[in-house]
Amino acid sequence: MEKVRIKGNGKNLCTLEVQEAVDRCASLGGGKVVFEKGEYYLSTVFLKSGVHIVIEEGATVFGAESFYDYCPQEKIDYPLYQDASHSYFDCSMFVGRNCNGISITGKGKIDMRSVWDEDNVRDIVHRGPKCIALRECNDVVISGLEINNVTDLAVYFAGCDNVEVFGLKMRVYIDGISPDNSTNVKIYDCDVETGDDGIVFKSSYTLNRLGECRNITVKNCKIKSRCNAIKFGTETNGGFKDIYIDGVEIRETRITGIAIESVDGAIIDGLTIKNVKMTNVNAPIFIHLGKRMRGPKGREIGKIRNVTLENITAEGPYEPYEVIVCLITIIIPSD
């Protein structure tokens, strides 16, 4: 297997060097691109099948200083029913499209440096580049890293299959880990602190077709969130099936500990959440079947069924004035 060690000088962008290393490994049938101990500056790199990014202990990969150093948003020629964060992929540090057998691993750090689009020229108000954005990729591993100061979705993957995410430590501004219409996913042993949702499942129209999140396991994670620690939605065009969440510690959420929402026609079927401990949460559990219906016309209101909540404890609220006096809130749309 080809192995390319990135040199970098700790001062200038090494994006071209990294992209050339990725391309070389791919041309030889696969390989590793290694960041050794030191500091590196990077904008957008496009991943390729069979290539593994390794950020070793003692290595810190900093995001580019300017938002405009990153790749512009791609052009999309079909209707957008979801917000910009869930529509575009290219404005990210690591981008994967139709890749097989890729990974981003190691014990190093990624620091996106809190960069955002201050001029709103790309229609992402007060948000910036994603850290990792994958579209229709298979056999993916993301593990071991510390990811900081991301101003858009930190780890986002849509239409992906066989994804394993584990051992991440995240301190980010927007959503932490977000599977969208992805299948056969394992998320475990992650420590997530976010200014938005922690681990959030989407079933959007970002691929210009209906899909579903299916066969997903989340285990042994810690989540602190200023919004929802665990959330389904609100982009809910497709569906969610056979999702198992076990052994999660949640603390200091400003909205809910667990939010289960279907508002765009999605069917949520076969959801088990057990052994969850919440501390200083506003509303522990929120279940909402609604009819926002943000998507193609003609969809019917979705369904929420076969949901099991077991051994869940909650203490709170975060602040006295934020009390919502109920354990479970359920909203059903009227005709």
C-alpha atoms as a PDB file:
ATOM      1  CA  MET A   1       0.000   0.000   0.000  1.00  0.00           C
ATOM      2  CA  GLU A   2       1.316   3.426  -0.962  1.00  0.00           C
ATOM      3  CA  LYS A   3       2.117   5.689   1.996  1.00  0.00           C
ATOM      4  CA  VAL A   4       2.666   9.415   1.562  1.00  0.00           C
ATOM      5  CA  ARG A   5       3.786  11.606   4.447  1.00  0.00           C
ATOM      6  CA  ILE A   6       2.678  15.218   4.238  1.00  0.00           C
ATOM      7  CA  LYS A   7       5.484  17.682   4.823  1.00  0.00           C
ATOM      8  CA  GLY A   8       3.798  21.036   5.319  1.00  0.00           C
ATOM      9  CA  ASN A   9       5.663  23.927   6.923  1.00  0.00           C
ATOM     10  CA  GLY A  10       3.246  24.941   9.660  1.00  0.00           C
ATOM     11  CA  LYS A  11       2.676  28.278   7.961  1.00  0.00           C
ATOM     12  CA  ASN A  12       1.135  27.951   4.506  1.00  0.00           C
ATOM     13  CA  LEU A  13      -1.720  25.938   3.073  1.00  0.00           C
ATOM     14  CA  CYS A  14      -0.653  22.433   2.098  1.00  0.00           C
ATOM     15  CA  THR A  15      -3.897  21.684   0.246  1.00  0.00           C
ATOM     16  CA  LEU A  16      -2.227  21.081  -3.123  1.00  0.00           C
ATOM     17  CA  GLU A  17       0.312  18.698  -1.581  1.00  0.00           C
ATOM     18  CA  VAL A  18      -2.415  16.727   0.183  1.00  0.00           C
ATOM     19  CA  GLN A  19      -4.626  16.531  -2.907  1.00  0.00           C
ATOM     20  CA  GLU A  20      -1.698  15.315  -5.004  1.00  0.00           C
ATOM     21  CA  ALA A  21      -0.975  12.659  -2.373  1.00  0.00           C
ATOM     22  CA  VAL A  22      -4.602  11.504  -2.407  1.00  0.00           C
ATOM     23  CA  ASP A  23      -4.602  11.368  -6.204  1.00  0.00           C
ATOM     24  CA  ARG A  24      -1.322   9.428  -6.283  1.00  0.00           C
ATOM     25  CA  CYS A  25      -2.567   6.840  -3.783  1.00  0.00           C
ATOM     26  CA  ALA A  26      -5.814   6.428  -5.703  1.00  0.00           C
ATOM     27  CA  SER A  27      -3.949   5.934  -8.987  1.00  0.00           C
ATOM     28  CA  LEU A  28      -1.988   3.086  -7.383  1.00  0.00           C
ATOM     29  CA  GLY A  29      -5.087   1.349  -6.084  1.00  0.00           C
ATOM     30  CA  GLY A  30      -5.132   2.895  -2.619  1.00  0.00           C
ATOM     31  CA  GLY A  31      -2.886   4.045   0.177  1.00  0.00           C
ATOM     32  CA  LYS A  32      -2.378   6.245   3.224  1.00  0.00           C
ATOM     33  CA  VAL A  33      -1.877   9.982   3.430  1.00  0.00           C
ATOM     34  CA  VAL A  34      -0.227  10.659   6.781  1.00  0.00           C
ATOM     35  CA  PHE A  35       0.000  13.849   8.822  1.00  0.00           C
ATOM     36  CA  GLU A  36       2.850  13.343  11.299  1.00  0.00           C
ATOM     37  CA  LYS A  37       3.414  15.358  14.472  1.00  0.00           C
ATOM     38  CA  GLY A  38       3.308  19.060  13.648  1.00  0.00           C
ATOM     39  CA  GLU A  39       0.980  21.788  12.394  1.00  0.00           C
ATOM     40  CA  TYR A  40      -0.682  21.892   8.987  1.00  0.00           C
ATOM     41  CA  TYR A  41      -3.036  24.314   7.232  1.00  0.00           C
ATOM     42  CA  LEU A  42      -5.644  22.924   4.893  1.00  0.00           C
ATOM     43  CA  SER A  43      -8.680  24.001   2.886  1.00  0.00           C
ATOM     44  CA  THR A  44     -10.657  21.536   0.708  1.00  0.00           C
ATOM     45  CA  VAL A  45      -9.427  18.059  -0.192  1.00  0.00           C
ATOM     46  CA  PHE A  46     -11.478  15.646  -2.312  1.00  0.00           C
ATOM     47  CA  LEU A  47     -11.156  12.061  -1.135  1.00  0.00           C
ATOM     48  CA  LYS A  48     -10.919   9.088  -3.484  1.00  0.00           C
ATOM     49  CA  SER A  49     -11.662   5.389  -3.166  1.00  0.00           C
ATOM     50  CA  GLY A  50      -9.139   3.317  -1.260  1.00  0.00           C
ATOM     51  CA  VAL A  51      -7.376   6.308   0.290  1.00  0.00           C
ATOM     52  CA  HIS A  52      -6.988   6.621   4.051  1.00  0.00           C
ATOM     53  CA  ILE A  53      -6.237   9.903   5.806  1.00  0.00           C
ATOM     54  CA  VAL A  54      -4.217   9.429   9.013  1.00  0.00           C
ATOM     55  CA  ILE A  55      -3.716  12.314  11.441  1.00  0.00           C
ATOM     56  CA  GLU A  56      -1.216  11.055  13.980  1.00  0.00           C
ATOM     57  CA  GLU A  57      -0.962  11.958  17.650  1.00  0.00           C
ATOM     58  CA  GLY A  58       0.701  15.345  18.006  1.00  0.00           C
ATOM     59  CA  ALA A  59      -0.504  16.504  14.590  1.00  0.00           C
ATOM     60  CA  THR A  60      -2.968  19.384  14.282  1.00  0.00           C
ATOM     61  CA  VAL A  61      -4.624  20.147  10.970  1.00  0.00           C
ATOM     62  CA  PHE A  62      -5.896  23.719  11.033  1.00  0.00           C
ATOM     63  CA  GLY A  63      -8.548  24.959   8.666  1.00  0.00           C
ATOM     64  CA  ALA A  64      -7.741  27.763   6.272  1.00  0.00           C
ATOM     65  CA  GLU A  65      -7.830  31.245   7.741  1.00  0.00           C
ATOM     66  CA  SER A  66     -10.267  32.542   5.114  1.00  0.00           C
ATOM     67  CA  PHE A  67     -13.658  31.111   4.223  1.00  0.00           C
ATOM     68  CA  TYR A  68     -12.851  31.848   0.576  1.00  0.00           C
ATOM     69  CA  ASP A  69      -9.892  29.463   0.558  1.00  0.00           C
ATOM     70  CA  TYR A  70     -12.366  26.580   0.634  1.00  0.00           C
ATOM     71  CA  CYS A  71     -14.020  25.178  -2.457  1.00  0.00           C
ATOM     72  CA  PRO A  72     -17.166  27.092  -3.473  1.00  0.00           C
ATOM     73  CA  GLN A  73     -20.532  25.417  -3.148  1.00  0.00           C
ATOM     74  CA  GLU A  74     -21.348  23.128  -6.035  1.00  0.00           C
ATOM     75  CA  LYS A  75     -24.094  24.022  -8.491  1.00  0.00           C
ATOM     76  CA  ILE A  76     -27.325  22.085  -7.963  1.00  0.00           C
ATOM     77  CA  ASP A  77     -29.857  21.734 -10.772  1.00  0.00           C
ATOM     78  CA  TYR A  78     -32.755  20.274  -8.798  1.00  0.00           C
ATOM     79  CA  PRO A  79     -35.103  21.740  -6.161  1.00  0.00           C
ATOM     80  CA  LEU A  80     -33.761  22.295  -2.658  1.00  0.00           C
ATOM     81  CA  TYR A  81     -36.174  21.481   0.135  1.00  0.00           C
ATOM     82  CA  GLN A  82     -33.607  21.535   2.943  1.00  0.00           C
ATOM     83  CA  ASP A  83     -31.385  24.326   4.212  1.00  0.00           C
ATOM     84  CA  ALA A  84     -27.961  25.104   2.759  1.00  0.00           C
ATOM     85  CA  SER A  85     -26.102  23.095   5.389  1.00  0.00           C
ATOM     86  CA  HIS A  86     -27.813  19.912   4.207  1.00  0.00           C
ATOM     87  CA  SER A  87     -27.683  20.754   0.494  1.00  0.00           C
ATOM     88  CA  TYR A  88     -24.016  21.405  -0.237  1.00  0.00           C
ATOM     89  CA  PHE A  89     -20.911  19.287   0.302  1.00  0.00           C
ATOM     90  CA  ASP A  90     -17.959  20.884  -1.476  1.00  0.00           C
ATOM     91  CA  CYS A  91     -17.380  23.745   0.965  1.00  0.00           C
ATOM     92  CA  SER A  92     -15.702  21.437   3.486  1.00  0.00           C
ATOM     93  CA  MET A  93     -12.248  20.314   4.568  1.00  0.00           C
ATOM     94  CA  PHE A  94     -12.652  16.661   3.551  1.00  0.00           C
ATOM     95  CA  VAL A  95     -15.162  15.881   0.786  1.00  0.00           C
ATOM     96  CA  GLY A  96     -16.076  12.421  -0.448  1.00  0.00           C
ATOM     97  CA  ARG A  97     -18.348  11.649  -3.398  1.00  0.00           C
ATOM     98  CA  ASN A  98     -19.051   8.074  -4.487  1.00  0.00           C
ATOM     99  CA  CYS A  99     -15.981   6.792  -2.667  1.00  0.00           C
ATOM    100  CA  ASN A 100     -15.478   3.213  -1.476  1.00  0.00           C
ATOM    101  CA  GLY A 101     -13.180   2.072   1.316  1.00  0.00           C
ATOM    102  CA  ILE A 102     -12.052   5.394   2.787  1.00  0.00           C
ATOM    103  CA  SER A 103     -11.130   6.501   6.281  1.00  0.00           C
ATOM    104  CA  ILE A 104     -10.126   9.543   8.310  1.00  0.00           C
ATOM    105  CA  THR A 105      -8.500   8.322  11.504  1.00  0.00           C
ATOM    106  CA  GLY A 106      -5.783   8.924  14.067  1.00  0.00           C
ATOM    107  CA  LYS A 107      -5.188  10.479  17.455  1.00  0.00           C
ATOM    108  CA  GLY A 108      -4.514  13.964  16.168  1.00  0.00           C
ATOM    109  CA  LYS A 109      -6.637  17.112  15.998  1.00  0.00           C
ATOM    110  CA  ILE A 110      -8.582  19.064  13.421  1.00  0.00           C
ATOM    111  CA  ASP A 111      -9.210  22.716  14.277  1.00  0.00           C
ATOM    112  CA  MET A 112     -11.447  24.556  11.807  1.00  0.00           C
ATOM    113  CA  ARG A 113     -10.648  27.901  13.492  1.00  0.00           C
ATOM    114  CA  SER A 114     -14.224  29.203  13.761  1.00  0.00           C
ATOM    115  CA  VAL A 115     -14.186  30.531  10.183  1.00  0.00           C
ATOM    116  CA  TRP A 116     -17.533  31.488   8.650  1.00  0.00           C
ATOM    117  CA  ASP A 117     -19.079  33.302   5.691  1.00  0.00           C
ATOM    118  CA  GLU A 118     -19.279  36.816   7.090  1.00  0.00           C
ATOM    119  CA  ASP A 119     -20.545  38.271   3.802  1.00  0.00           C
ATOM    120  CA  ASN A 120     -23.345  35.724   3.272  1.00  0.00           C
ATOM    121  CA  VAL A 121     -22.350  35.368  -0.378  1.00  0.00           C
ATOM    122  CA  ARG A 122     -22.912  31.623  -0.262  1.00  0.00           C
ATOM    123  CA  ASP A 123     -26.272  31.734   1.491  1.00  0.00           C
ATOM    124  CA  ILE A 124     -25.010  30.197   4.735  1.00  0.00           C
ATOM    125  CA  VAL A 125     -25.667  32.887   7.313  1.00  0.00           C
ATOM    126  CA  HIS A 126     -23.058  32.821  10.072  1.00  0.00           C
ATOM    127  CA  ARG A 127     -21.856  29.386   9.061  1.00  0.00           C
ATOM    128  CA  GLY A 128     -18.687  28.231   7.423  1.00  0.00           C
ATOM    129  CA  PRO A 129     -17.099  25.104   5.996  1.00  0.00           C
ATOM    130  CA  LYS A 130     -17.966  21.630   7.196  1.00  0.00           C
ATOM    131  CA  CYS A 131     -15.199  19.429   8.501  1.00  0.00           C
ATOM    132  CA  ILE A 132     -16.173  16.124   6.844  1.00  0.00           C
ATOM    133  CA  ALA A 133     -18.894  15.846   4.181  1.00  0.00           C
ATOM    134  CA  LEU A 134     -19.549  12.544   2.423  1.00  0.00           C
ATOM    135  CA  ARG A 135     -22.090  11.810  -0.281  1.00  0.00           C
ATOM    136  CA  GLU A 136     -22.957   8.290  -1.440  1.00  0.00           C
ATOM    137  CA  CYS A 137     -19.830   6.672  -0.030  1.00  0.00           C
ATOM    138  CA  ASN A 138     -19.474   3.069   1.159  1.00  0.00           C
ATOM    139  CA  ASP A 139     -17.250   1.368   3.737  1.00  0.00           C
ATOM    140  CA  VAL A 140     -16.196   4.426   5.710  1.00  0.00           C
ATOM    141  CA  VAL A 141     -14.334   4.728   9.021  1.00  0.00           C
ATOM    142  CA  ILE A 142     -13.957   7.993  10.955  1.00  0.00           C
ATOM    143  CA  SER A 143     -12.256   7.536  14.305  1.00  0.00           C
ATOM    144  CA  GLY A 144     -10.017   8.733  17.102  1.00  0.00           C
ATOM    145  CA  LEU A 145      -9.800  12.407  16.212  1.00  0.00           C
ATOM    146  CA  GLU A 146     -10.444  15.564  18.182  1.00  0.00           C
ATOM    147  CA  ILE A 147     -12.485  17.977  16.059  1.00  0.00           C
ATOM    148  CA  ASN A 148     -12.848  21.600  17.167  1.00  0.00           C
ATOM    149  CA  ASN A 149     -14.347  24.936  16.144  1.00  0.00           C
ATOM    150  CA  VAL A 150     -16.436  23.849  13.164  1.00  0.00           C
ATOM    151  CA  THR A 151     -19.025  26.444  12.137  1.00  0.00           C
ATOM    152  CA  ASP A 152     -21.190  24.138  10.037  1.00  0.00           C
ATOM    153  CA  LEU A 153     -21.968  20.426  10.283  1.00  0.00           C
ATOM    154  CA  ALA A 154     -18.909  18.668  11.684  1.00  0.00           C
ATOM    155  CA  VAL A 155     -19.374  15.107  10.384  1.00  0.00           C
ATOM    156  CA  TYR A 156     -22.136  14.826   7.780  1.00  0.00           C
ATOM    157  CA  PHE A 157     -22.753  11.836   5.534  1.00  0.00           C
ATOM    158  CA  ALA A 158     -25.695  11.397   3.172  1.00  0.00           C
ATOM    159  CA  GLY A 159     -26.652   8.320   1.191  1.00  0.00           C
ATOM    160  CA  CYS A 160     -23.745   6.361   2.664  1.00  0.00           C
ATOM    161  CA  ASP A 161     -23.582   2.673   3.602  1.00  0.00           C
ATOM    162  CA  ASN A 162     -21.476   0.786   6.129  1.00  0.00           C
ATOM    163  CA  VAL A 163     -20.139   3.722   8.129  1.00  0.00           C
ATOM    164  CA  GLU A 164     -18.308   3.416  11.449  1.00  0.00           C
ATOM    165  CA  VAL A 165     -17.732   6.508  13.600  1.00  0.00           C
ATOM    166  CA  PHE A 166     -16.039   6.031  16.945  1.00  0.00           C
ATOM    167  CA  GLY A 167     -13.718   7.583  19.483  1.00  0.00           C
ATOM    168  CA  LEU A 168     -14.288  11.170  18.378  1.00  0.00           C
ATOM    169  CA  LYS A 169     -14.010  14.144  20.711  1.00  0.00           C
ATOM    170  CA  MET A 170     -15.890  17.124  19.315  1.00  0.00           C
ATOM    171  CA  ARG A 171     -16.207  20.740  20.458  1.00  0.00           C
ATOM    172  CA  VAL A 172     -18.123  22.427  17.651  1.00  0.00           C
ATOM    173  CA  TYR A 173     -20.666  25.176  16.996  1.00  0.00           C
ATOM    174  CA  ILE A 174     -23.274  23.411  14.856  1.00  0.00           C
ATOM    175  CA  ASP A 175     -24.402  19.763  14.583  1.00  0.00           C
ATOM    176  CA  GLY A 176     -21.909  17.109  15.633  1.00  0.00           C
ATOM    177  CA  ILE A 177     -22.540  13.778  13.886  1.00  0.00           C
ATOM    178  CA  SER A 178     -25.298  13.688  11.277  1.00  0.00           C
ATOM    179  CA  PRO A 179     -26.262  10.614   9.223  1.00  0.00           C
ATOM    180  CA  ASP A 180     -28.692  11.513   6.428  1.00  0.00           C
ATOM    181  CA  ASN A 181     -30.417   8.683   4.528  1.00  0.00           C
ATOM    182  CA  SER A 182     -27.544   6.397   5.486  1.00  0.00           C
ATOM    183  CA  THR A 183     -27.605   2.683   6.284  1.00  0.00           C
ATOM    184  CA  ASN A 184     -25.626   0.212   8.384  1.00  0.00           C
ATOM    185  CA  VAL A 185     -24.036   2.835  10.607  1.00  0.00           C
ATOM    186  CA  LYS A 186     -22.254   2.386  13.942  1.00  0.00           C
ATOM    187  CA  ILE A 187     -21.530   5.370  16.193  1.00  0.00           C
ATOM    188  CA  TYR A 188     -19.885   4.669  19.524  1.00  0.00           C
ATOM    189  CA  ASP A 189     -17.532   5.955  22.217  1.00  0.00           C
ATOM    190  CA  CYS A 190     -17.858   9.586  21.091  1.00  0.00           C
ATOM    191  CA  ASP A 191     -17.687  12.691  23.307  1.00  0.00           C
ATOM    192  CA  VAL A 192     -19.729  15.411  21.606  1.00  0.00           C
ATOM    193  CA  GLU A 193     -20.256  19.038  22.693  1.00  0.00           C
ATOM    194  CA  THR A 194     -22.133  21.256  20.262  1.00  0.00           C
ATOM    195  CA  GLY A 195     -23.795  24.624  19.951  1.00  0.00           C
ATOM    196  CA  ASP A 196     -26.562  22.924  17.968  1.00  0.00           C
ATOM    197  CA  ASP A 197     -27.725  19.291  17.897  1.00  0.00           C
ATOM    198  CA  GLY A 198     -25.392  16.544  19.085  1.00  0.00           C
ATOM    199  CA  ILE A 199     -26.118  13.339  17.166  1.00  0.00           C
ATOM    200  CA  VAL A 200     -28.873  14.116  14.676  1.00  0.00           C
ATOM    201  CA  PHE A 201     -30.505  11.831  12.127  1.00  0.00           C
ATOM    202  CA  LYS A 202     -31.799  13.316   8.880  1.00  0.00           C
ATOM    203  CA  SER A 203     -33.824  11.957   5.992  1.00  0.00           C
ATOM    204  CA  SER A 204     -33.720  14.911   3.643  1.00  0.00           C
ATOM    205  CA  TYR A 205     -34.100  15.398  -0.113  1.00  0.00           C
ATOM    206  CA  THR A 206     -30.455  16.342  -0.543  1.00  0.00           C
ATOM    207  CA  LEU A 207     -29.888  13.467  -3.009  1.00  0.00           C
ATOM    208  CA  ASN A 208     -32.968  14.500  -5.023  1.00  0.00           C
ATOM    209  CA  ARG A 209     -34.739  11.312  -4.024  1.00  0.00           C
ATOM    210  CA  LEU A 210     -36.371   9.710  -1.030  1.00  0.00           C
ATOM    211  CA  GLY A 211     -34.250   7.513   1.195  1.00  0.00           C
ATOM    212  CA  GLU A 212     -34.058   6.425   4.793  1.00  0.00           C
ATOM    213  CA  CYS A 213     -31.764   6.060   7.756  1.00  0.00           C
ATOM    214  CA  ARG A 214     -31.756   2.331   8.512  1.00  0.00           C
ATOM    215  CA  ASN A 215     -29.944  -0.120  10.735  1.00  0.00           C
ATOM    216  CA  ILE A 216     -28.048   2.394  12.852  1.00  0.00           C
ATOM    217  CA  THR A 217     -26.535   1.794  16.294  1.00  0.00           C
ATOM    218  CA  VAL A 218     -25.376   4.457  18.758  1.00  0.00           C
ATOM    219  CA  LYS A 219     -23.664   3.269  21.943  1.00  0.00           C
ATOM    220  CA  ASN A 220     -21.664   4.655  24.853  1.00  0.00           C
ATOM    221  CA  CYS A 221     -21.601   8.315  23.843  1.00  0.00           C
ATOM    222  CA  LYS A 222     -21.516  11.511  25.893  1.00  0.00           C
ATOM    223  CA  ILE A 223     -23.396  14.519  24.557  1.00  0.00           C
ATOM    224  CA  LYS A 224     -23.645  18.142  25.679  1.00  0.00           C
ATOM    225  CA  SER A 225     -25.811  20.346  23.464  1.00  0.00           C
ATOM    226  CA  ARG A 226     -27.278  23.828  23.440  1.00  0.00           C
ATOM    227  CA  CYS A 227     -30.164  22.407  21.394  1.00  0.00           C
ATOM    228  CA  ASN A 228     -31.081  18.704  21.187  1.00  0.00           C
ATOM    229  CA  ALA A 229     -28.659  16.005  22.262  1.00  0.00           C
ATOM    230  CA  ILE A 230     -30.233  13.252  20.137  1.00  0.00           C
ATOM    231  CA  LYS A 231     -32.595  14.288  17.387  1.00  0.00           C
ATOM    232  CA  PHE A 232     -34.558  12.796  14.507  1.00  0.00           C
ATOM    233  CA  GLY A 233     -35.392  15.584  12.066  1.00  0.00           C
ATOM    234  CA  THR A 234     -36.481  18.071  11.283  1.00  0.00           C
ATOM    235  CA  GLU A 235     -35.533  17.182   7.687  1.00  0.00           C
ATOM    236  CA  THR A 236     -37.812  14.141   7.474  1.00  0.00           C
ATOM    237  CA  ASN A 237     -38.797  13.423   3.872  1.00  0.00           C
ATOM    238  CA  GLY A 238     -37.867   9.748   3.763  1.00  0.00           C
ATOM    239  CA  GLY A 239     -37.815   7.575   6.851  1.00  0.00           C
ATOM    240  CA  PHE A 240     -36.016   6.058   9.831  1.00  0.00           C
ATOM    241  CA  LYS A 241     -36.038   2.318  10.481  1.00  0.00           C
ATOM    242  CA  ASP A 242     -34.368  -0.041  12.956  1.00  0.00           C
ATOM    243  CA  ILE A 243     -32.322   2.398  14.993  1.00  0.00           C
ATOM    244  CA  TYR A 244     -30.874   1.356  18.350  1.00  0.00           C
ATOM    245  CA  ILE A 245     -29.450   3.797  20.916  1.00  0.00           C
ATOM    246  CA  ASP A 246     -27.960   2.512  24.183  1.00  0.00           C
ATOM    247  CA  GLY A 247     -25.842   3.872  27.009  1.00  0.00           C
ATOM    248  CA  VAL A 248     -25.803   7.609  26.319  1.00  0.00           C
ATOM    249  CA  GLU A 249     -25.033  10.357  28.851  1.00  0.00           C
ATOM    250  CA  ILE A 250     -26.698  13.691  28.105  1.00  0.00           C
ATOM    251  CA  ARG A 251     -26.136  16.975  29.922  1.00  0.00           C
ATOM    252  CA  GLU A 252     -27.017  20.647  29.775  1.00  0.00           C
ATOM    253  CA  THR A 253     -29.335  20.723  26.786  1.00  0.00           C
ATOM    254  CA  ARG A 254     -31.281  23.931  26.174  1.00  0.00           C
ATOM    255  CA  ILE A 255     -34.097  22.292  24.193  1.00  0.00           C
ATOM    256  CA  THR A 256     -34.476  18.512  24.607  1.00  0.00           C
ATOM    257  CA  GLY A 257     -32.482  15.470  25.510  1.00  0.00           C
ATOM    258  CA  ILE A 258     -34.233  13.297  22.908  1.00  0.00           C
ATOM    259  CA  ALA A 259     -36.321  14.729  20.051  1.00  0.00           C
ATOM    260  CA  ILE A 260     -38.233  12.392  17.740  1.00  0.00           C
ATOM    261  CA  GLU A 261     -39.886  14.366  14.952  1.00  0.00           C
ATOM    262  CA  SER A 262     -41.573  13.560  11.650  1.00  0.00           C
ATOM    263  CA  VAL A 263     -42.851  16.706   9.957  1.00  0.00           C
ATOM    264  CA  ASP A 264     -42.235  16.157   6.216  1.00  0.00           C
ATOM    265  CA  GLY A 265     -43.896  12.771   5.706  1.00  0.00           C
ATOM    266  CA  ALA A 266     -41.274  10.406   7.130  1.00  0.00           C
ATOM    267  CA  ILE A 267     -42.169   7.070   8.700  1.00  0.00           C
ATOM    268  CA  ILE A 268     -40.248   6.408  11.907  1.00  0.00           C
ATOM    269  CA  ASP A 269     -40.496   2.672  12.561  1.00  0.00           C
ATOM    270  CA  GLY A 270     -38.503   0.512  14.942  1.00  0.00           C
ATOM    271  CA  LEU A 271     -36.687   2.886  17.286  1.00  0.00           C
ATOM    272  CA  THR A 272     -35.209   1.697  20.589  1.00  0.00           C
ATOM    273  CA  ILE A 273     -33.611   4.093  23.072  1.00  0.00           C
ATOM    274  CA  LYS A 274     -32.446   2.659  26.393  1.00  0.00           C
ATOM    275  CA  ASN A 275     -30.095   3.277  29.309  1.00  0.00           C
ATOM    276  CA  VAL A 276     -29.920   7.048  28.913  1.00  0.00           C
ATOM    277  CA  LYS A 277     -28.987   9.363  31.772  1.00  0.00           C
ATOM    278  CA  MET A 278     -29.791  13.073  31.424  1.00  0.00           C
ATOM    279  CA  THR A 279     -28.561  15.837  33.721  1.00  0.00           C
ATOM    280  CA  ASN A 280     -29.617  19.499  33.565  1.00  0.00           C
ATOM    281  CA  VAL A 281     -31.880  19.077  30.561  1.00  0.00           C
ATOM    282  CA  ASN A 282     -34.755  21.354  29.645  1.00  0.00           C
ATOM    283  CA  ALA A 283     -37.319  18.907  28.212  1.00  0.00           C
ATOM    284  CA  PRO A 284     -36.122  15.300  28.412  1.00  0.00           C
ATOM    285  CA  ILE A 285     -38.211  13.769  25.606  1.00  0.00           C
ATOM    286  CA  PHE A 286     -40.118  15.436  22.767  1.00  0.00           C
ATOM    287  CA  ILE A 287     -42.135  13.459  20.189  1.00  0.00           C
ATOM    288  CA  HIS A 288     -43.724  15.394  17.332  1.00  0.00           C
ATOM    289  CA  LEU A 289     -45.731  14.139  14.368  1.00  0.00           C
ATOM    290  CA  GLY A 290     -46.388  17.225  12.250  1.00  0.00           C
ATOM    291  CA  LYS A 291     -47.300  18.405   8.769  1.00  0.00           C
ATOM    292  CA  ARG A 292     -44.763  21.007   7.720  1.00  0.00           C
ATOM    293  CA  MET A 293     -44.385  18.989   4.484  1.00  0.00           C
ATOM    294  CA  ARG A 294     -41.313  20.755   3.155  1.00  0.00           C
ATOM    295  CA  GLY A 295     -40.730  18.688   0.040  1.00  0.00           C
ATOM    296  CA  PRO A 296     -42.395  17.640  -3.218  1.00  0.00           C
ATOM    297  CA  LYS A 297     -46.154  18.015  -3.217  1.00  0.00           C
ATOM    298  CA  GLY A 298     -48.446  15.080  -2.661  1.00  0.00           C
ATOM    299  CA  ARG A 299     -46.822  13.519   0.388  1.00  0.00           C
ATOM    300  CA  GLU A 300     -49.000  12.315   3.250  1.00  0.00           C
ATOM    301  CA  ILE A 301     -48.376  12.964   6.925  1.00  0.00           C
ATOM    302  CA  GLY A 302     -45.839  10.482   8.246  1.00  0.00           C
ATOM    303  CA  LYS A 303     -46.072   7.944  11.043  1.00  0.00           C
ATOM    304  CA  ILE A 304     -44.230   7.255  14.281  1.00  0.00           C
ATOM    305  CA  ARG A 305     -44.545   3.647  15.426  1.00  0.00           C
ATOM    306  CA  ASN A 306     -42.777   0.853  17.285  1.00  0.00           C
ATOM    307  CA  VAL A 307     -40.817   3.175  19.562  1.00  0.00           C
ATOM    308  CA  THR A 308     -39.338   1.762  22.780  1.00  0.00           C
ATOM    309  CA  LEU A 309     -37.977   4.021  25.528  1.00  0.00           C
ATOM    310  CA  GLU A 310     -36.416   2.065  28.386  1.00  0.00           C
ATOM    311  CA  ASN A 311     -34.499   2.969  31.546  1.00  0.00           C
ATOM    312  CA  ILE A 312     -34.241   6.697  30.881  1.00  0.00           C
ATOM    313  CA  THR A 313     -33.599   9.074  33.781  1.00  0.00           C
ATOM    314  CA  ALA A 314     -33.562  12.869  33.676  1.00  0.00           C
ATOM    315  CA  GLU A 315     -32.713  15.712  36.046  1.00  0.00           C
ATOM    316  CA  GLY A 316     -32.971  19.424  35.401  1.00  0.00           C
ATOM    317  CA  PRO A 317     -33.782  21.887  34.095  1.00  0.00           C
ATOM    318  CA  TYR A 318     -30.714  23.781  32.986  1.00  0.00           C
ATOM    319  CA  GLU A 319     -32.145  27.062  34.302  1.00  0.00           C
ATOM    320  CA  PRO A 320     -35.323  27.555  36.375  1.00  0.00           C
ATOM    321  CA  TYR A 321     -37.104  29.753  33.828  1.00  0.00           C
ATOM    322  CA  GLU A 322     -36.770  27.110  31.132  1.00  0.00           C
ATOM    323  CA  VAL A 323     -38.898  24.498  32.868  1.00  0.00           C
ATOM    324  CA  ILE A 324     -41.197  22.428  30.687  1.00  0.00           C
ATOM    325  CA  VAL A 325     -43.230  20.455  33.186  1.00  0.00           C
ATOM    326  CA  CYS A 326     -43.516  17.084  31.518  1.00  0.00           C
ATOM    327  CA  LEU A 327     -41.316  14.128  30.820  1.00  0.00           C
ATOM    328  CA  ILE A 328     -42.696  13.392  27.359  1.00  0.00           C
ATOM    329  CA  THR A 329     -44.308  15.910  25.019  1.00  0.00           C
ATOM    330  CA  ILE A 330     -46.269  14.425  22.094  1.00  0.00           C
ATOM    331  CA  ILE A 331     -47.774  16.607  19.359  1.00  0.00           C
ATOM    332  CA  ILE A 332     -50.138  15.075  16.792  1.00  0.00           C
ATOM    333  CA  PRO A 333     -51.325  17.161  13.803  1.00  0.00           C
ATOM    334  CA  SER A 334     -55.006  17.847  13.386  1.00  0.00           C
ATOM    335  CA  ASP A 335     -56.791  17.314  10.083  1.00  0.00           C
END
